[in-house]
C-alpha atoms as a PDB file:
ATOM      1  CA  MET A   1    -136.773 120.268-114.663  1.00  0.00           C
ATOM      2  CA  SER A   2    -135.780 120.049-111.036  1.00  0.00           C
ATOM      3  CA  HIS A   3    -138.064 122.978-110.222  1.00  0.00           C
ATOM      4  CA  LEU A   4    -141.196 120.882-111.000  1.00  0.00           C
ATOM      5  CA  PRO A   5    -142.751 118.983-108.109  1.00  0.00           C
ATOM      6  CA  LYS A   6    -142.466 115.240-108.267  1.00  0.00           C
ATOM      7  CA  LEU A   7    -145.857 113.610-108.621  1.00  0.00           C
ATOM      8  CA  ARG A   8    -146.345 110.197-107.177  1.00  0.00           C
ATOM      9  CA  VAL A   9    -149.234 108.000-108.167  1.00  0.00           C
ATOM     10  CA  THR A  10    -150.262 104.978-106.216  1.00  0.00           C
ATOM     11  CA  LEU A  11    -152.865 102.566-107.396  1.00  0.00           C
ATOM     12  CA  GLY A  12    -153.720 101.139-104.013  1.00  0.00           C
ATOM     13  CA  ALA A  13    -155.330  97.742-104.300  1.00  0.00           C
ATOM     14  CA  VAL A  14    -155.173  96.808-107.957  1.00  0.00           C
ATOM     15  CA  PRO A  15    -157.653  93.969-108.508  1.00  0.00           C
ATOM     16  CA  THR A  16    -155.501  92.068-111.000  1.00  0.00           C
ATOM     17  CA  SER A  17    -151.987  91.803-112.274  1.00  0.00           C
ATOM     18  CA  LYS A  18    -153.267  90.620-115.669  1.00  0.00           C
ATOM     19  CA  PRO A  19    -152.731  92.832-118.698  1.00  0.00           C
ATOM     20  CA  ARG A  20    -155.420  95.298-119.601  1.00  0.00           C
ATOM     21  CA  TYR A  21    -156.283  96.383-123.123  1.00  0.00           C
ATOM     22  CA  ALA A  22    -157.542  99.710-124.429  1.00  0.00           C
ATOM     23  CA  ILE A  23    -159.686  99.368-127.552  1.00  0.00           C
ATOM     24  CA  THR A  24    -161.042 102.415-129.313  1.00  0.00           C
ATOM     25  CA  ASP A  25    -164.358 102.164-131.137  1.00  0.00           C
ATOM     26  CA  THR A  26    -162.998 103.442-134.471  1.00  0.00           C
ATOM     27  CA  GLY A  27    -162.128 102.010-137.863  1.00  0.00           C
ATOM     28  CA  ASP A  28    -162.150  98.238-138.101  1.00  0.00           C
ATOM     29  CA  ILE A  29    -163.228  97.861-134.467  1.00  0.00           C
ATOM     30  CA  GLY A  30    -166.202 100.121-135.059  1.00  0.00           C
ATOM     31  CA  ARG A  31    -167.204  98.163-138.151  1.00  0.00           C
ATOM     32  CA  MET A  32    -166.924  94.875-136.283  1.00  0.00           C
ATOM     33  CA  LEU A  33    -169.095  96.249-133.499  1.00  0.00           C
ATOM     34  CA  ASP A  34    -171.638  97.431-136.086  1.00  0.00           C
ATOM     35  CA  LEU A  35    -171.778  93.919-137.516  1.00  0.00           C
ATOM     36  CA  ALA A  36    -172.121  92.527-134.038  1.00  0.00           C
ATOM     37  CA  ARG A  37    -175.069  94.857-133.427  1.00  0.00           C
ATOM     38  CA  GLU A  38    -176.696  93.404-136.578  1.00  0.00           C
ATOM     39  CA  ARG A  39    -175.994  89.872-135.331  1.00  0.00           C
ATOM     40  CA  TRP A  40    -177.234  90.541-131.779  1.00  0.00           C
ATOM     41  CA  PRO A  41    -179.738  93.415-132.154  1.00  0.00           C
ATOM     42  CA  GLU A  42    -181.062  92.968-128.626  1.00  0.00           C
ATOM     43  CA  GLU A  43    -177.681  93.996-127.280  1.00  0.00           C
ATOM     44  CA  THR A  44    -177.295  97.784-127.225  1.00  0.00           C
ATOM     45  CA  ASP A  45    -174.143  98.080-125.112  1.00  0.00           C
ATOM     46  CA  ARG A  46    -171.057  98.172-127.325  1.00  0.00           C
ATOM     47  CA  LYS A  47    -168.831  96.823-124.588  1.00  0.00           C
ATOM     48  CA  ALA A  48    -171.130  93.780-124.298  1.00  0.00           C
ATOM     49  CA  LEU A  49    -171.013  93.433-128.087  1.00  0.00           C
ATOM     50  CA  LEU A  50    -167.217  93.419-127.952  1.00  0.00           C
ATOM     51  CA  LEU A  51    -167.311  90.641-125.385  1.00  0.00           C
ATOM     52  CA  ARG A  52    -169.742  88.667-127.536  1.00  0.00           C
ATOM     53  CA  LEU A  53    -167.457  89.135-130.536  1.00  0.00           C
ATOM     54  CA  ALA A  54    -164.521  87.854-128.533  1.00  0.00           C
ATOM     55  CA  GLU A  55    -166.539  84.825-127.443  1.00  0.00           C
ATOM     56  CA  ALA A  56    -167.753  84.150-131.001  1.00  0.00           C
ATOM     57  CA  GLY A  57    -164.178  84.476-132.282  1.00  0.00           C
ATOM     58  CA  SER A  58    -162.926  82.123-129.630  1.00  0.00           C
ATOM     59  CA  ASP A  59    -165.626  79.586-130.580  1.00  0.00           C
ATOM     60  CA  ALA A  60    -164.643  79.849-134.248  1.00  0.00           C
ATOM     61  CA  VAL A  61    -160.943  79.384-133.465  1.00  0.00           C
ATOM     62  CA  ARG A  62    -161.793  76.360-131.246  1.00  0.00           C
ATOM     63  CA  ARG A  63    -163.813  74.783-134.094  1.00  0.00           C
ATOM     64  CA  ASP A  64    -160.896  75.385-136.529  1.00  0.00           C
ATOM     65  CA  LEU A  65    -158.420  73.866-134.143  1.00  0.00           C
ATOM     66  CA  ASP A  66    -160.666  70.867-133.491  1.00  0.00           C
ATOM     67  CA  ALA A  67    -161.058  70.324-137.243  1.00  0.00           C
ATOM     68  CA  SER A  68    -157.279  70.560-137.729  1.00  0.00           C
ATOM     69  CA  ARG A  69    -156.631  68.098-134.920  1.00  0.00           C
ATOM     70  CA  HIS A  70    -159.190  65.711-136.379  1.00  0.00           C
ATOM     71  CA  ASP A  71    -157.598  65.986-139.844  1.00  0.00           C
ATOM     72  CA  ARG A  72    -154.133  65.354-138.384  1.00  0.00           C
ATOM     73  CA  LEU A  73    -155.444  62.340-136.416  1.00  0.00           C
ATOM     74  CA  GLY A  74    -156.953  60.921-139.604  1.00  0.00           C
ATOM     75  CA  GLU A  75    -153.661  61.422-141.429  1.00  0.00           C
ATOM     76  CA  ARG A  76    -151.738  59.661-138.628  1.00  0.00           C
ATOM     77  CA  GLN A  77    -154.218  56.782-138.622  1.00  0.00           C
ATOM     78  CA  ALA A  78    -153.964  56.389-142.414  1.00  0.00           C
ATOM     79  CA  THR A  79    -150.153  56.326-142.144  1.00  0.00           C
ATOM     80  CA  ALA A  80    -150.375  53.720-139.364  1.00  0.00           C
ATOM     81  CA  PHE A  81    -152.748  51.556-141.384  1.00  0.00           C
ATOM     82  CA  GLU A  82    -150.400  51.743-144.354  1.00  0.00           C
ATOM     83  CA  ALA A  83    -147.554  50.468-142.146  1.00  0.00           C
ATOM     84  CA  VAL A  84    -149.482  47.515-140.732  1.00  0.00           C
ATOM     85  CA  PRO A  85    -148.562  45.020-143.477  1.00  0.00           C
ATOM     86  CA  ASP A  86    -144.860  45.716-142.802  1.00  0.00           C
ATOM     87  CA  LEU A  87    -145.279  45.291-139.043  1.00  0.00           C
ATOM     88  CA  VAL A  88    -147.780  42.420-138.709  1.00  0.00           C
ATOM     89  CA  ASP A  89    -147.764  39.038-140.366  1.00  0.00           C
ATOM     90  CA  PRO A  90    -151.467  38.068-140.758  1.00  0.00           C
ATOM     91  CA  SER A  91    -150.612  34.375-141.051  1.00  0.00           C
ATOM     92  CA  VAL A  92    -149.118  34.450-137.565  1.00  0.00           C
ATOM     93  CA  LEU A  93    -152.214  36.093-136.188  1.00  0.00           C
ATOM     94  CA  LEU A  94    -154.461  33.568-137.925  1.00  0.00           C
ATOM     95  CA  ASP A  95    -152.473  30.621-136.684  1.00  0.00           C
ATOM     96  CA  ASP A  96    -153.868  28.918-133.621  1.00  0.00           C
ATOM     97  CA  GLU A  97    -150.454  29.085-131.973  1.00  0.00           C
ATOM     98  CA  ALA A  98    -150.755  32.871-131.669  1.00  0.00           C
ATOM     99  CA  TRP A  99    -153.738  32.485-129.320  1.00  0.00           C
ATOM    100  CA  ARG A 100    -152.426  29.830-126.983  1.00  0.00           C
END
């Protein structure tokens, strides 16, 4: 293979060091984009539809996470309220001495 010339490729000024993704409009991706076109019929550009799908997916994940956090908070509060009788003596709080 030493008889082949060495090719060197330079990218010059690459605008970002972030990862890039190649997505082909086939199979499941194509079907998702078709659904997106039904949802947003005014959008004809499939790349724009892909971005809208990503945004809609992000919004759905955010709602799910918020709901999970809310549920966990409720569970922690319920556990804390159950522990209150073991931690606090109401008679001490109701006694005038506690507030002096």
